[in-house]
Protein backbone atom coordinates (compact mmCIF):
# COMPACT_ATOMS: atom_id res chain seq x y z
CA MET A 1 6.61 27.06 -3.07
CA ARG A 2 8.63 24.11 -1.34
CA PHE A 3 8.12 20.57 -2.87
CA ILE A 4 7.79 17.68 -0.56
CA TYR A 5 11.35 16.84 0.15
CA ASP A 6 12.60 19.88 -2.07
CA GLY A 7 11.23 17.62 -4.92
CA ASN A 8 13.72 14.81 -4.50
CA ILE A 9 10.96 12.31 -4.45
CA TYR A 10 9.20 13.76 -7.65
CA PRO A 11 7.44 12.81 -9.38
CA LEU A 12 6.37 10.49 -6.13
CA MET A 13 3.40 12.35 -4.22
CA GLU A 14 2.44 14.61 -7.89
CA LYS A 15 -1.03 13.20 -7.53
CA VAL A 16 -2.24 12.05 -4.37
CA ALA A 17 -5.91 11.57 -3.32
CA PHE A 18 -7.11 12.24 0.10
CA VAL A 19 -10.34 10.64 1.34
CA LYS A 20 -11.66 11.66 4.47
CA ILE A 21 -12.08 8.11 6.29
CA ASN A 22 -9.26 6.34 8.24
CA ALA A 23 -6.45 4.07 6.51
CA THR A 24 -7.91 0.68 7.98
CA TYR A 25 -11.73 1.48 6.61
CA PHE A 26 -10.09 2.81 3.28
CA LYS A 27 -7.67 -0.85 3.06
CA ASP A 28 -10.39 -2.89 4.22
CA GLU A 29 -12.79 -1.24 1.51
CA TYR A 30 -10.34 -1.25 -1.41
CA LEU A 31 -9.76 -5.03 -0.83
CA LYS A 32 -13.27 -5.96 -1.12
CA TRP A 33 -13.69 -3.63 -3.98
CA ARG A 34 -10.67 -5.42 -5.66
CA ASP A 35 -11.95 -8.84 -5.06
CA GLU A 36 -15.49 -7.59 -6.59
CA GLN A 37 -13.37 -6.70 -10.28
CA ASN A 38 -11.18 -9.61 -10.12
CA TYR A 39 -11.51 -11.36 -12.93
CA TYR A 40 -8.02 -12.85 -12.92
CA SER A 41 -8.16 -14.35 -9.58
CA THR A 42 -5.16 -11.98 -8.41
CA LYS A 43 -4.41 -12.16 -4.85
CA PHE A 44 -2.84 -9.11 -2.94
CA ASP A 45 -0.15 -9.11 -0.41
CA VAL A 46 -1.10 -6.85 2.28
CA LYS A 47 2.15 -4.84 4.73
CA ARG A 48 1.76 -2.15 7.13
CA VAL A 49 4.00 0.69 6.61
CA GLY A 50 5.30 3.18 8.98
CA GLY A 51 7.91 5.29 9.70
CA THR A 52 8.85 8.30 7.30
CA LEU A 53 6.88 9.63 4.34
CA GLN A 54 10.22 9.12 2.27
CA ASP A 55 10.63 5.27 3.26
CA ALA A 56 7.16 4.42 2.98
CA VAL A 57 6.70 5.81 -1.04
CA MET A 58 10.15 4.49 -2.02
CA SER A 59 8.40 1.13 -1.35
CA LEU A 60 6.41 1.78 -4.35
CA LEU A 61 9.28 1.62 -6.90
CA PRO A 62 10.02 1.09 -9.33
CA PHE A 63 7.11 2.67 -11.26
CA ASN A 64 4.62 0.36 -13.77
CA SER A 65 5.97 -2.57 -11.84
CA GLU A 66 3.13 -4.94 -10.31
CA LYS A 67 0.26 -2.71 -9.27
CA LYS A 68 1.11 -1.33 -6.04
CA VAL A 69 -1.00 1.35 -3.63
CA ILE A 70 0.00 2.92 -0.71
CA ILE A 71 -2.57 3.98 2.01
CA ILE A 72 -1.00 6.79 4.02
CA PRO A 73 -2.29 8.01 7.28
CA THR A 74 -2.03 11.63 8.33
CA ASN A 75 -2.22 14.30 11.33
CA SER A 76 -5.80 14.82 10.42
CA ASN A 77 -9.00 13.14 9.85
CA TRP A 78 -7.71 12.50 5.69
CA VAL A 79 -5.75 9.33 4.69
CA ALA A 80 -3.86 9.76 1.58
CA TYR A 81 -3.75 7.31 -1.37
CA ILE A 82 -0.94 6.89 -4.37
CA ASP A 83 -0.29 4.20 -6.54
CA ASN A 84 3.18 2.95 -8.38
CA ASN A 85 2.34 4.05 -11.75
CA GLU A 86 4.48 7.04 -13.59
CA ASP A 87 1.55 8.78 -14.41
CA ALA A 88 -0.37 8.58 -11.03
CA GLN A 89 -3.70 7.56 -10.80
CA THR A 90 -6.14 8.29 -8.36
CA GLU A 91 -9.50 7.50 -9.86
CA LYS A 92 -9.63 4.66 -7.91
CA ALA A 93 -9.79 6.23 -4.57
CA VAL A 94 -12.61 8.50 -5.96
CA VAL A 95 -14.13 5.49 -6.20
CA ILE A 96 -13.90 3.82 -2.62
CA ALA A 97 -14.56 7.31 -1.02
CA LYS A 98 -17.95 6.66 -3.03
CA ARG A 99 -18.44 3.52 -2.12
CA LEU A 100 -17.59 4.82 1.70
CA LYS A 101 -19.92 7.57 1.40
CA VAL A 102 -17.11 10.21 2.60
CA GLU A 103 -15.74 13.14 0.74
CA CYS A 104 -12.59 13.10 -1.50
CA ILE A 105 -9.76 15.56 -2.32
CA ASP A 106 -7.85 14.94 -5.73
CA VAL A 107 -4.72 16.97 -5.64
CA CYS A 108 -2.06 17.68 -8.26
CA ALA A 109 1.12 20.09 -8.26
CA PHE A 110 3.65 19.31 -11.32
CA ILE A 111 7.30 20.51 -10.66
CA ASN A 112 7.52 21.66 -14.17
CA SER A 113 5.01 20.99 -17.57
CA PHE A 114 7.58 19.62 -20.36
CA GLY A 115 10.01 21.69 -18.67
CA THR A 116 8.06 24.92 -18.62
CA LYS A 117 7.21 26.46 -14.83
CA ALA A 118 5.39 29.57 -13.80
CA ASN A 119 5.75 30.98 -10.45
CA ASP A 120 7.69 27.94 -9.74
CA TRP A 121 5.50 25.48 -10.82
CA GLY A 122 4.15 23.08 -13.78
CA GLY A 123 0.79 24.01 -12.93
CA GLY A 124 -1.68 21.65 -10.77
CA TRP A 125 -5.09 21.32 -9.99
CA ILE A 126 -7.75 20.79 -7.07
CA GLN A 127 -10.64 18.42 -7.27
CA ILE A 128 -13.62 18.08 -4.27
CA PHE A 129 -15.68 15.21 -4.61
CA ASP A 130 -18.85 14.77 -1.93
CA SER A 131 -20.06 11.70 -0.21
CA LEU A 132 -22.11 11.15 -3.51
CA GLY A 133 -18.55 10.70 -5.51
CA SER A 134 -19.89 13.81 -7.33
CA LEU A 135 -17.65 16.45 -8.47
CA VAL A 136 -18.17 19.72 -6.62
CA ARG A 137 -15.26 22.01 -7.76
CA ARG A 138 -12.43 21.61 -9.59
CA VAL A 139 -9.82 24.43 -10.21
CA GLU A 140 -6.86 23.73 -12.24
CA LEU A 141 -3.98 25.59 -13.84
CA THR A 142 -2.00 23.13 -17.07
CA TRP A 143 0.34 23.95 -19.55
CA GLN A 144 -0.87 23.07 -23.32
CA GLU A 145 1.28 24.66 -25.53
CA LYS A 146 -0.09 27.88 -23.49
CA TRP A 147 -0.89 28.01 -20.16
CA GLU A 148 -4.68 27.53 -19.50
CA PHE A 149 -6.54 28.00 -16.20
CA GLU A 150 -10.04 26.34 -15.97
CA GLN A 151 -12.60 25.93 -13.33
CA TYR A 152 -15.84 23.81 -12.91
CA GLY A 153 -18.84 23.99 -10.24
CA MET A 154 -19.26 26.67 -8.06
CA PRO A 155 -16.68 28.76 -6.27
CA GLN A 156 -16.10 27.60 -2.41
CA GLU A 157 -16.34 30.53 -0.04
CA PHE A 158 -12.23 29.80 0.44
CA GLU A 159 -11.51 30.48 -2.91
CA ASN A 160 -9.73 33.72 -3.83
CA LEU A 161 -11.51 35.05 -6.67
CA GLN A 162 -9.76 38.08 -7.11
CA MET A 163 -6.57 36.02 -8.60
CA TYR A 164 -8.98 34.59 -11.17
CA LYS A 165 -8.99 37.76 -12.68
CA GLN A 166 -5.31 38.52 -13.36
CA LYS A 167 -4.01 39.42 -16.70
CA PHE A 168 -2.34 36.31 -17.53
CA GLN A 169 -3.39 32.80 -17.10
CA ARG A 170 -0.52 31.48 -15.77
CA ASP A 171 -1.17 34.10 -12.51
CA ARG A 172 -4.80 32.69 -11.83
CA PHE A 173 -3.47 29.85 -9.81
CA THR A 174 -0.25 29.87 -8.03
CA PRO A 175 1.37 26.69 -5.90
CA GLU A 176 0.74 28.91 -2.74
CA MET A 177 -3.19 28.96 -3.49
CA LEU A 178 -3.22 25.25 -4.02
CA ASP A 179 -1.40 25.04 -0.53
CA ALA A 180 -4.11 27.57 1.14
CA TYR A 181 -7.09 25.64 -0.48
CA CYS A 182 -5.92 22.23 0.57
CA LYS A 183 -5.12 23.57 4.35
CA TYR A 184 -8.74 24.91 4.42
CA PHE A 185 -9.59 21.46 4.34
CA GLY A 186 -6.85 20.27 7.11
CA ILE A 187 -4.71 19.09 4.38
CA ASP A 188 -1.06 19.97 4.67
CA PHE A 189 -0.28 18.73 0.94
CA PHE A 190 3.70 19.88 0.82
CA ASN A 191 4.75 19.35 4.45
CA GLU A 192 6.00 15.72 4.53
CA ALA A 193 5.55 15.97 8.38
CA PHE A 194 1.86 16.11 7.95
CA TYR A 195 2.05 12.33 6.88
CA PHE A 196 2.96 9.13 9.13
CA PRO A 197 2.40 10.98 12.59
CA GLU A 198 4.40 9.11 15.22
CA GLY A 199 3.50 5.46 15.98
CA VAL A 200 0.48 5.15 13.33
CA GLU A 201 0.87 3.08 10.33
CA GLY A 202 -0.38 2.67 7.03
CA TYR A 203 -0.87 -0.15 4.11
CA LEU A 204 1.08 -1.05 1.22
CA ILE A 205 -0.79 -3.06 -1.10
CA SER A 206 0.62 -5.17 -3.63
CA ASP A 207 -0.69 -7.29 -6.72
CA ILE A 208 0.41 -10.82 -6.44
CA PRO A 209 -0.65 -11.95 -10.14
CA LYS A 210 -0.88 -15.64 -11.27
CA GLU A 211 1.35 -15.26 -13.71
CA VAL A 212 4.43 -13.23 -14.05
CA TYR A 213 4.76 -10.72 -17.17
CA GLN A 214 7.89 -8.69 -18.35
CA ARG A 215 6.76 -5.40 -17.42
CA LYS A 216 9.32 -2.35 -18.47
CA THR A 217 9.43 -0.79 -15.02
CA VAL A 218 10.93 3.19 -14.76
CA THR A 219 13.34 3.61 -11.70
CA LEU A 220 12.97 7.31 -9.71
CA ASN A 221 15.55 8.76 -11.67
CA GLU A 222 14.82 7.73 -14.96
CA ALA A 223 11.09 9.32 -14.45
CA ARG A 224 12.94 12.38 -13.45
CA LYS A 225 14.72 12.98 -16.40
CA PHE A 226 11.90 13.31 -18.49
CA TYR A 227 10.81 16.20 -16.21
CA GLY A 228 14.82 17.52 -16.98
CA LEU A 229 15.37 17.06 -13.17
CA GLY A 230 18.76 15.76 -11.94
CA ASP A 231 19.00 12.36 -9.84
CA SER A 232 17.58 12.13 -6.35
CA ALA A 233 19.43 13.52 -3.20
CA PHE A 234 18.24 10.16 -1.57
CA SER A 235 19.84 6.45 -1.81
CA SER A 236 21.39 5.47 -5.15
CA SER A 237 19.47 1.81 -4.70
CA ASP A 238 18.64 0.12 -7.64
CA ASN A 239 14.66 1.51 -7.81
CA LEU A 240 16.36 5.13 -8.10
CA THR A 241 19.05 4.46 -10.37
């Protein structure tokens, strides 16, 4: 399975939440929710972003700096959400989807797990939440010193149940299966052309804290080293190196 941009922006887009709403509605509800939780009177900078997926997600770098999230329109009725945590956190998108009373699908695809791969990936998952915010279904493959396949909830009509009977757990959920499951919902997760339709913009939302704290940030290439990956083939800007 080909990862987005052949894996050159990884671990960006490792975990993505898709919410069945347009980008503006999501942005407005996200800011409203953040204001309600805003114990430190944090201000927010909101910028429109467009163009290519590569350019947009690079604006999140470096990892672990002041909180940033990006809301990405797609060639579907789903909007994509990611943040700038090195270990991306998609839970906030589930909260916003519940507030908006719309569905949410949380997707993860590891390029490897601590250097370990099976079937050309390091495992991953799909989690399906209904409009009430309840987890309806989860299918996942993870490396926990051994490959572990797990599932929760009732199987859905689009699932390849026969694969779950494979002898080896590593073979019960593959990147091709994740791709097919996502496409059932109209989500072309692994295809960079799926994001940012021509002429459609998304939003980059950044926290502006009252006080500036020294944070240990991580560049893209530093994060890639953790996965045993070489430097990104893209620009050699400060946020990458």
